[in-house]
Amino acid sequence: MFSLATPDLLWSVLLVAAAVLLVASLVSISRNAELSTDARAPWILVAVLLPVVGPIAWFMARPRKRRRVEDAG
């Protein structure tokens, strides 16, 4: 009988999730206009060499676009 909780399926889902996270972080790093080339290279290396921890670190530490807050008055 086939069970959806087989270890192979679990590892496959985790592997696909890690790959999607890695690709998303590499796209985000390459499209970030606030980073110079000298700042991009280490982030790309960290993301590629640490495929789960690197992208998570990038998404937590990445420079965010600053939104202008308008006075409501």
Protein backbone atom coordinates (compact mmCIF):
# COMPACT_ATOMS: atom_id res chain seq x y z
CA MET A 1 0.00 0.00 0.00
CA PHE A 2 1.32 3.47 -0.92
CA SER A 3 1.63 6.02 1.85
CA LEU A 4 2.10 9.73 1.20
CA ALA A 5 4.37 9.97 4.24
CA THR A 6 7.17 7.92 2.74
CA PRO A 7 10.67 9.23 3.45
CA ASP A 8 11.43 9.47 -0.28
CA LEU A 9 8.54 11.84 -0.86
CA LEU A 10 9.51 13.95 2.15
CA TRP A 11 13.11 14.29 1.00
CA SER A 12 11.98 15.08 -2.54
CA VAL A 13 9.71 17.88 -1.31
CA LEU A 14 12.50 19.28 0.89
CA LEU A 15 14.97 19.14 -2.00
CA VAL A 16 12.59 20.97 -4.34
CA ALA A 17 11.86 23.58 -1.64
CA ALA A 18 15.60 24.14 -1.10
CA ALA A 19 16.15 24.50 -4.86
CA VAL A 20 13.30 27.01 -5.18
CA LEU A 21 14.66 28.98 -2.22
CA LEU A 22 18.14 29.01 -3.77
CA VAL A 23 16.89 30.18 -7.18
CA ALA A 24 14.67 32.84 -5.61
CA SER A 25 17.57 34.18 -3.55
CA LEU A 26 19.92 34.26 -6.55
CA VAL A 27 17.33 36.18 -8.58
CA SER A 28 16.76 38.57 -5.66
CA ILE A 29 20.50 39.15 -5.19
CA SER A 30 21.08 39.77 -8.88
CA ARG A 31 18.15 42.19 -9.21
CA ASN A 32 18.88 44.20 -6.06
CA ALA A 33 19.82 47.66 -7.29
CA GLU A 34 21.17 48.77 -3.92
CA LEU A 35 24.04 46.26 -3.99
CA SER A 36 27.31 46.94 -5.78
CA THR A 37 29.06 44.15 -7.67
CA ASP A 38 31.52 43.86 -4.80
CA ALA A 39 28.66 43.26 -2.38
CA ARG A 40 26.81 40.81 -4.66
CA ALA A 41 29.65 38.35 -5.11
CA PRO A 42 29.92 37.30 -1.44
CA TRP A 43 26.14 36.90 -1.16
CA ILE A 44 26.06 34.70 -4.25
CA LEU A 45 28.90 32.58 -2.87
CA VAL A 46 27.17 32.20 0.49
CA ALA A 47 23.88 31.26 -1.19
CA VAL A 48 25.54 28.68 -3.45
CA LEU A 49 27.87 27.18 -0.83
CA LEU A 50 25.20 27.04 1.89
CA PRO A 51 22.08 26.30 -0.17
CA VAL A 52 19.58 26.49 2.70
CA VAL A 53 21.20 28.75 5.28
CA GLY A 54 22.59 31.22 2.70
CA PRO A 55 19.25 32.11 1.07
CA ILE A 56 17.53 32.37 4.45
CA ALA A 57 20.30 34.71 5.64
CA TRP A 58 19.91 36.79 2.47
CA PHE A 59 16.15 37.19 2.86
CA MET A 60 16.60 38.21 6.49
CA ALA A 61 19.48 40.65 5.93
CA ARG A 62 18.85 42.02 2.44
CA PRO A 63 18.57 45.76 1.98
CA ARG A 64 14.95 46.74 1.59
CA LYS A 65 13.60 49.55 -0.50
CA ARG A 66 12.73 52.45 1.70
CA ARG A 67 9.19 53.66 1.39
CA ARG A 68 8.45 57.31 1.83
CA VAL A 69 5.98 57.86 4.58
CA GLU A 70 3.65 60.72 3.84
CA ASP A 71 2.21 62.80 6.65
CA ALA A 72 -1.51 62.32 7.04
CA GLY A 73 -2.27 65.84 7.91
